[in-house]
């Protein structure tokens, strides 16, 4: 049986509010709105230095909203949705723009998109059992590697000092992230297959318990 199944969901953290308009959430919304500008700066304006600044702002804001939420006790259920949503949009949209611009191979983007499409297809399997997909640290590590490969690669194409070194490091992070992303995806597919075959339906609202992290 996949790990985490068979446990009752933990009680809701009373420190996590349902407020929408909090400073961390505003930062997350601004990050989502900035992603199309980044894509345009790469594909339309052909301005790698500007794109690097924009991507730097996105990376800093990703760190900042979580830091503010923890330090100022502004954690919210909306924030728990918006922050990973912003990360997923960034990891999906920017590699596509990079591939179109010739910064990365097209097959890398194909693997990322196919992996996410397969996982989306497994969601009904979990939902029919009243279970949420269990997240893993492996998926979070994959997202982290992919997330940091983007500014490193862009720094190389922006002509900054030491650009060749940034390109090498960025490619290493990119291929490492693609490998981890594929590996974590196979784990989720295996879990969905096991659930579909052997787990009886559970009452609505139940969830798989697992460590926090990215998918």
C-alpha atoms as a PDB file:
ATOM      1  CA  UNK A   1       0.000   0.000   0.000  1.00  0.00           C
ATOM      2  CA  UNK A   2       1.408   3.481  -0.816  1.00  0.00           C
ATOM      3  CA  UNK A   3       2.929   5.204   2.214  1.00  0.00           C
ATOM      4  CA  UNK A   4       0.624   7.438   4.216  1.00  0.00           C
ATOM      5  CA  UNK A   5      -2.637   5.704   3.309  1.00  0.00           C
ATOM      6  CA  UNK A   6      -4.777   4.459   6.135  1.00  0.00           C
ATOM      7  CA  UNK A   7      -4.118   7.393   8.475  1.00  0.00           C
ATOM      8  CA  UNK A   8      -6.624   9.971   9.576  1.00  0.00           C
ATOM      9  CA  UNK A   9      -5.872  13.505   8.382  1.00  0.00           C
ATOM     10  CA  UNK A  10      -4.087  15.695  10.937  1.00  0.00           C
ATOM     11  CA  UNK A  11      -6.113  18.461  12.607  1.00  0.00           C
ATOM     12  CA  UNK A  12      -6.100  21.764  10.797  1.00  0.00           C
ATOM     13  CA  UNK A  13      -3.418  24.116  12.059  1.00  0.00           C
ATOM     14  CA  UNK A  14      -5.220  26.945  13.887  1.00  0.00           C
ATOM     15  CA  UNK A  15      -2.433  29.347  12.847  1.00  0.00           C
ATOM     16  CA  UNK A  16      -3.371  28.930   9.166  1.00  0.00           C
ATOM     17  CA  UNK A  17      -6.100  31.443   8.340  1.00  0.00           C
ATOM     18  CA  UNK A  18      -8.580  31.638   5.461  1.00  0.00           C
ATOM     19  CA  UNK A  19      -7.701  35.249   4.614  1.00  0.00           C
ATOM     20  CA  UNK A  20      -7.008  36.041   0.975  1.00  0.00           C
ATOM     21  CA  UNK A  21      -5.651  39.589   1.073  1.00  0.00           C
ATOM     22  CA  UNK A  22      -2.449  39.110   2.989  1.00  0.00           C
ATOM     23  CA  UNK A  23       0.977  40.477   2.056  1.00  0.00           C
ATOM     24  CA  UNK A  24       2.397  37.035   1.132  1.00  0.00           C
ATOM     25  CA  UNK A  25      -0.617  36.347  -1.090  1.00  0.00           C
ATOM     26  CA  UNK A  26      -0.244  39.726  -2.808  1.00  0.00           C
ATOM     27  CA  UNK A  27       3.408  38.896  -3.485  1.00  0.00           C
ATOM     28  CA  UNK A  28       2.375  35.516  -4.928  1.00  0.00           C
ATOM     29  CA  UNK A  29      -0.230  37.183  -7.172  1.00  0.00           C
ATOM     30  CA  UNK A  30       2.356  39.729  -8.332  1.00  0.00           C
ATOM     31  CA  UNK A  31       4.721  36.872  -9.119  1.00  0.00           C
ATOM     32  CA  UNK A  32       2.078  35.170 -11.253  1.00  0.00           C
ATOM     33  CA  UNK A  33       1.386  38.451 -13.092  1.00  0.00           C
ATOM     34  CA  UNK A  34       5.111  38.994 -13.727  1.00  0.00           C
ATOM     35  CA  UNK A  35       5.644  35.651 -15.452  1.00  0.00           C
ATOM     36  CA  UNK A  36       4.023  36.728 -18.789  1.00  0.00           C
ATOM     37  CA  UNK A  37       6.237  39.832 -18.794  1.00  0.00           C
ATOM     38  CA  UNK A  38       9.269  37.593 -18.412  1.00  0.00           C
ATOM     39  CA  UNK A  39       8.133  35.421 -21.322  1.00  0.00           C
ATOM     40  CA  UNK A  40       7.610  38.500 -23.520  1.00  0.00           C
ATOM     41  CA  UNK A  41      11.060  39.834 -22.621  1.00  0.00           C
ATOM     42  CA  UNK A  42      12.566  36.576 -23.904  1.00  0.00           C
ATOM     43  CA  UNK A  43      10.465  35.885 -27.005  1.00  0.00           C
ATOM     44  CA  UNK A  44       9.374  39.341 -28.177  1.00  0.00           C
ATOM     45  CA  UNK A  45      11.885  41.850 -26.859  1.00  0.00           C
ATOM     46  CA  UNK A  46      14.852  39.436 -27.085  1.00  0.00           C
ATOM     47  CA  UNK A  47      16.355  41.070 -24.008  1.00  0.00           C
ATOM     48  CA  UNK A  48      18.174  38.452 -21.871  1.00  0.00           C
ATOM     49  CA  UNK A  49      19.541  41.023 -19.344  1.00  0.00           C
ATOM     50  CA  UNK A  50      16.031  42.332 -18.629  1.00  0.00           C
ATOM     51  CA  UNK A  51      14.702  38.791 -18.470  1.00  0.00           C
ATOM     52  CA  UNK A  52      17.434  37.968 -15.957  1.00  0.00           C
ATOM     53  CA  UNK A  53      16.375  40.859 -13.718  1.00  0.00           C
ATOM     54  CA  UNK A  54      12.736  39.798 -13.943  1.00  0.00           C
ATOM     55  CA  UNK A  55      13.592  36.190 -13.180  1.00  0.00           C
ATOM     56  CA  UNK A  56      15.694  37.346 -10.243  1.00  0.00           C
ATOM     57  CA  UNK A  57      12.705  39.268  -8.917  1.00  0.00           C
ATOM     58  CA  UNK A  58      10.572  36.133  -9.246  1.00  0.00           C
ATOM     59  CA  UNK A  59      13.102  34.024  -7.356  1.00  0.00           C
ATOM     60  CA  UNK A  60      13.447  36.583  -4.558  1.00  0.00           C
ATOM     61  CA  UNK A  61       9.686  37.018  -4.265  1.00  0.00           C
ATOM     62  CA  UNK A  62       9.262  33.257  -3.988  1.00  0.00           C
ATOM     63  CA  UNK A  63      11.571  33.267  -0.975  1.00  0.00           C
ATOM     64  CA  UNK A  64      10.105  36.490   0.429  1.00  0.00           C
ATOM     65  CA  UNK A  65       6.432  35.529   0.592  1.00  0.00           C
ATOM     66  CA  UNK A  66       7.165  32.360   2.538  1.00  0.00           C
ATOM     67  CA  UNK A  67       9.512  34.195   4.895  1.00  0.00           C
ATOM     68  CA  UNK A  68       6.942  36.904   5.617  1.00  0.00           C
ATOM     69  CA  UNK A  69       4.179  34.337   6.130  1.00  0.00           C
ATOM     70  CA  UNK A  70       6.241  32.519   8.763  1.00  0.00           C
ATOM     71  CA  UNK A  71       7.752  35.499  10.561  1.00  0.00           C
ATOM     72  CA  UNK A  72       4.571  37.591  10.707  1.00  0.00           C
ATOM     73  CA  UNK A  73       2.164  34.689  11.195  1.00  0.00           C
ATOM     74  CA  UNK A  74       0.404  35.316   7.872  1.00  0.00           C
ATOM     75  CA  UNK A  75       0.089  31.694   6.771  1.00  0.00           C
ATOM     76  CA  UNK A  76      -3.197  31.029   4.981  1.00  0.00           C
ATOM     77  CA  UNK A  77      -4.938  28.305   3.037  1.00  0.00           C
ATOM     78  CA  UNK A  78      -4.898  30.590  -0.011  1.00  0.00           C
ATOM     79  CA  UNK A  79      -1.166  31.046   0.345  1.00  0.00           C
ATOM     80  CA  UNK A  80      -0.682  27.293   0.421  1.00  0.00           C
ATOM     81  CA  UNK A  81      -2.370  27.184  -2.996  1.00  0.00           C
ATOM     82  CA  UNK A  82      -1.020  30.339  -4.621  1.00  0.00           C
ATOM     83  CA  UNK A  83       2.660  29.758  -3.853  1.00  0.00           C
ATOM     84  CA  UNK A  84       2.924  26.310  -5.503  1.00  0.00           C
ATOM     85  CA  UNK A  85       0.647  27.525  -8.322  1.00  0.00           C
ATOM     86  CA  UNK A  86       3.091  30.338  -9.083  1.00  0.00           C
ATOM     87  CA  UNK A  87       5.972  27.853  -9.013  1.00  0.00           C
ATOM     88  CA  UNK A  88       4.173  25.500 -11.400  1.00  0.00           C
ATOM     89  CA  UNK A  89       3.321  28.281 -13.867  1.00  0.00           C
ATOM     90  CA  UNK A  90       6.932  29.446 -13.792  1.00  0.00           C
ATOM     91  CA  UNK A  91       8.351  25.937 -14.266  1.00  0.00           C
ATOM     92  CA  UNK A  92       5.899  25.317 -17.135  1.00  0.00           C
ATOM     93  CA  UNK A  93       5.939  28.645 -18.998  1.00  0.00           C
ATOM     94  CA  UNK A  94       9.575  29.679 -18.760  1.00  0.00           C
ATOM     95  CA  UNK A  95      11.093  26.418 -20.082  1.00  0.00           C
ATOM     96  CA  UNK A  96       8.748  26.654 -23.070  1.00  0.00           C
ATOM     97  CA  UNK A  97       9.979  30.185 -23.709  1.00  0.00           C
ATOM     98  CA  UNK A  98      13.576  29.019 -23.272  1.00  0.00           C
ATOM     99  CA  UNK A  99      13.036  26.201 -25.792  1.00  0.00           C
ATOM    100  CA  UNK A 100      11.467  28.529 -28.348  1.00  0.00           C
ATOM    101  CA  UNK A 101      14.383  30.947 -27.896  1.00  0.00           C
ATOM    102  CA  UNK A 102      16.869  28.091 -28.307  1.00  0.00           C
ATOM    103  CA  UNK A 103      18.230  28.222 -24.760  1.00  0.00           C
ATOM    104  CA  UNK A 104      17.360  24.601 -23.906  1.00  0.00           C
ATOM    105  CA  UNK A 105      16.499  21.466 -25.942  1.00  0.00           C
ATOM    106  CA  UNK A 106      12.861  20.961 -26.898  1.00  0.00           C
ATOM    107  CA  UNK A 107      12.908  17.379 -25.546  1.00  0.00           C
ATOM    108  CA  UNK A 108      13.465  18.714 -22.018  1.00  0.00           C
ATOM    109  CA  UNK A 109      10.239  20.705 -22.202  1.00  0.00           C
ATOM    110  CA  UNK A 110       8.425  17.721 -23.713  1.00  0.00           C
ATOM    111  CA  UNK A 111       9.413  15.540 -20.740  1.00  0.00           C
ATOM    112  CA  UNK A 112       8.263  18.171 -18.238  1.00  0.00           C
ATOM    113  CA  UNK A 113       4.910  18.714 -19.940  1.00  0.00           C
ATOM    114  CA  UNK A 114       4.206  15.010 -20.457  1.00  0.00           C
ATOM    115  CA  UNK A 115       5.062  14.257 -16.818  1.00  0.00           C
ATOM    116  CA  UNK A 116       2.674  16.937 -15.549  1.00  0.00           C
ATOM    117  CA  UNK A 117      -0.060  15.864 -17.969  1.00  0.00           C
ATOM    118  CA  UNK A 118       0.195  12.265 -16.737  1.00  0.00           C
ATOM    119  CA  UNK A 119      -0.056  13.386 -13.120  1.00  0.00           C
ATOM    120  CA  UNK A 120      -3.107  15.509 -13.892  1.00  0.00           C
ATOM    121  CA  UNK A 121      -4.645  12.386 -15.391  1.00  0.00           C
ATOM    122  CA  UNK A 122      -4.183  10.525 -12.081  1.00  0.00           C
ATOM    123  CA  UNK A 123      -6.059  13.113 -10.024  1.00  0.00           C
ATOM    124  CA  UNK A 124      -9.495  11.481 -10.604  1.00  0.00           C
ATOM    125  CA  UNK A 125      -8.070   8.209  -9.227  1.00  0.00           C
ATOM    126  CA  UNK A 126      -7.241   9.920  -5.955  1.00  0.00           C
ATOM    127  CA  UNK A 127     -10.414  11.993  -5.825  1.00  0.00           C
ATOM    128  CA  UNK A 128     -12.676   8.974  -6.301  1.00  0.00           C
ATOM    129  CA  UNK A 129     -11.152   7.563  -3.121  1.00  0.00           C
ATOM    130  CA  UNK A 130     -11.417  10.881  -1.277  1.00  0.00           C
ATOM    131  CA  UNK A 131      -7.626  11.098  -1.119  1.00  0.00           C
ATOM    132  CA  UNK A 132      -5.241  13.898  -1.982  1.00  0.00           C
ATOM    133  CA  UNK A 133      -1.987  12.956  -3.787  1.00  0.00           C
ATOM    134  CA  UNK A 134       0.831  12.557  -1.309  1.00  0.00           C
ATOM    135  CA  UNK A 135       3.638  15.045  -1.892  1.00  0.00           C
ATOM    136  CA  UNK A 136       7.290  14.079  -1.518  1.00  0.00           C
ATOM    137  CA  UNK A 137      10.622  15.727  -0.874  1.00  0.00           C
ATOM    138  CA  UNK A 138      11.868  14.200  -4.115  1.00  0.00           C
ATOM    139  CA  UNK A 139       9.377  16.301  -6.064  1.00  0.00           C
ATOM    140  CA  UNK A 140      10.394  19.379  -4.112  1.00  0.00           C
ATOM    141  CA  UNK A 141      14.068  18.727  -4.883  1.00  0.00           C
ATOM    142  CA  UNK A 142      13.232  18.377  -8.586  1.00  0.00           C
ATOM    143  CA  UNK A 143      11.354  21.680  -8.594  1.00  0.00           C
ATOM    144  CA  UNK A 144      14.235  23.336  -6.728  1.00  0.00           C
ATOM    145  CA  UNK A 145      16.811  22.149  -9.281  1.00  0.00           C
ATOM    146  CA  UNK A 146      14.668  23.210 -12.240  1.00  0.00           C
ATOM    147  CA  UNK A 147      13.835  26.512 -10.580  1.00  0.00           C
ATOM    148  CA  UNK A 148      17.492  27.442 -10.161  1.00  0.00           C
ATOM    149  CA  UNK A 149      18.594  26.164 -13.555  1.00  0.00           C
ATOM    150  CA  UNK A 150      16.577  28.935 -15.230  1.00  0.00           C
ATOM    151  CA  UNK A 151      18.394  32.013 -13.850  1.00  0.00           C
ATOM    152  CA  UNK A 152      21.775  30.271 -14.218  1.00  0.00           C
ATOM    153  CA  UNK A 153      21.132  29.539 -17.896  1.00  0.00           C
ATOM    154  CA  UNK A 154      19.736  33.000 -18.497  1.00  0.00           C
ATOM    155  CA  UNK A 155      22.800  34.570 -16.845  1.00  0.00           C
ATOM    156  CA  UNK A 156      24.936  32.735 -19.373  1.00  0.00           C
ATOM    157  CA  UNK A 157      22.939  34.058 -22.309  1.00  0.00           C
ATOM    158  CA  UNK A 158      22.764  37.576 -20.826  1.00  0.00           C
ATOM    159  CA  UNK A 159      26.512  38.003 -21.194  1.00  0.00           C
ATOM    160  CA  UNK A 160      27.316  38.512 -17.512  1.00  0.00           C
ATOM    161  CA  UNK A 161      30.922  37.949 -16.360  1.00  0.00           C
ATOM    162  CA  UNK A 162      31.600  34.237 -15.956  1.00  0.00           C
ATOM    163  CA  UNK A 163      28.693  33.423 -18.251  1.00  0.00           C
ATOM    164  CA  UNK A 164      30.212  30.191 -19.518  1.00  0.00           C
ATOM    165  CA  UNK A 165      30.445  28.862 -15.968  1.00  0.00           C
ATOM    166  CA  UNK A 166      26.828  29.838 -15.330  1.00  0.00           C
ATOM    167  CA  UNK A 167      25.797  27.948 -18.466  1.00  0.00           C
ATOM    168  CA  UNK A 168      27.576  24.785 -17.337  1.00  0.00           C
ATOM    169  CA  UNK A 169      26.084  24.979 -13.834  1.00  0.00           C
ATOM    170  CA  UNK A 170      22.650  25.792 -15.230  1.00  0.00           C
ATOM    171  CA  UNK A 171      22.715  22.813 -17.586  1.00  0.00           C
ATOM    172  CA  UNK A 172      23.778  20.547 -14.721  1.00  0.00           C
ATOM    173  CA  UNK A 173      20.851  21.756 -12.585  1.00  0.00           C
ATOM    174  CA  UNK A 174      18.495  21.442 -15.556  1.00  0.00           C
ATOM    175  CA  UNK A 175      19.335  17.825 -16.364  1.00  0.00           C
ATOM    176  CA  UNK A 176      19.478  16.854 -12.691  1.00  0.00           C
ATOM    177  CA  UNK A 177      16.046  18.444 -12.199  1.00  0.00           C
ATOM    178  CA  UNK A 178      14.603  16.678 -15.249  1.00  0.00           C
ATOM    179  CA  UNK A 179      15.839  13.358 -13.892  1.00  0.00           C
ATOM    180  CA  UNK A 180      14.374  13.940 -10.435  1.00  0.00           C
ATOM    181  CA  UNK A 181      11.153  15.282 -11.965  1.00  0.00           C
ATOM    182  CA  UNK A 182      10.749  12.120 -14.041  1.00  0.00           C
ATOM    183  CA  UNK A 183      11.594   9.915 -11.060  1.00  0.00           C
ATOM    184  CA  UNK A 184       9.095  11.623  -8.766  1.00  0.00           C
ATOM    185  CA  UNK A 185       6.490  11.424 -11.535  1.00  0.00           C
ATOM    186  CA  UNK A 186       6.958   7.667 -11.796  1.00  0.00           C
ATOM    187  CA  UNK A 187       6.411   7.386  -8.041  1.00  0.00           C
ATOM    188  CA  UNK A 188       3.104   9.266  -8.254  1.00  0.00           C
ATOM    189  CA  UNK A 189       1.982   7.119 -11.173  1.00  0.00           C
ATOM    190  CA  UNK A 190       2.860   3.961  -9.235  1.00  0.00           C
ATOM    191  CA  UNK A 191       0.918   5.205  -6.212  1.00  0.00           C
ATOM    192  CA  UNK A 192      -2.099   6.010  -8.369  1.00  0.00           C
ATOM    193  CA  UNK A 193      -1.947   2.527  -9.931  1.00  0.00           C
ATOM    194  CA  UNK A 194      -1.790   0.877  -6.502  1.00  0.00           C
ATOM    195  CA  UNK A 195      -4.686   2.987  -5.246  1.00  0.00           C
ATOM    196  CA  UNK A 196      -6.816   2.188  -8.287  1.00  0.00           C
ATOM    197  CA  UNK A 197      -6.225  -1.547  -7.836  1.00  0.00           C
ATOM    198  CA  UNK A 198      -6.206  -2.126  -4.102  1.00  0.00           C
ATOM    199  CA  UNK A 199      -7.482   0.756  -2.000  1.00  0.00           C
ATOM    200  CA  UNK A 200     -11.214   0.712  -1.149  1.00  0.00           C
ATOM    201  CA  UNK A 201     -13.122   3.966  -1.417  1.00  0.00           C
ATOM    202  CA  UNK A 202     -12.896   6.178   1.669  1.00  0.00           C
ATOM    203  CA  UNK A 203     -15.191   8.803   3.029  1.00  0.00           C
ATOM    204  CA  UNK A 204     -14.972  12.241   1.354  1.00  0.00           C
ATOM    205  CA  UNK A 205     -12.554  14.622   2.986  1.00  0.00           C
ATOM    206  CA  UNK A 206      -9.942  12.020   3.840  1.00  0.00           C
ATOM    207  CA  UNK A 207      -6.411  12.701   2.712  1.00  0.00           C
ATOM    208  CA  UNK A 208      -3.115  10.945   2.467  1.00  0.00           C
ATOM    209  CA  UNK A 209      -0.681  12.080   5.098  1.00  0.00           C
ATOM    210  CA  UNK A 210       2.844  12.792   4.016  1.00  0.00           C
ATOM    211  CA  UNK A 211       5.683  15.306   4.320  1.00  0.00           C
ATOM    212  CA  UNK A 212       5.104  18.780   2.996  1.00  0.00           C
ATOM    213  CA  UNK A 213       6.811  19.720  -0.225  1.00  0.00           C
ATOM    214  CA  UNK A 214       6.370  20.205  -3.928  1.00  0.00           C
ATOM    215  CA  UNK A 215       4.927  17.622  -6.275  1.00  0.00           C
END
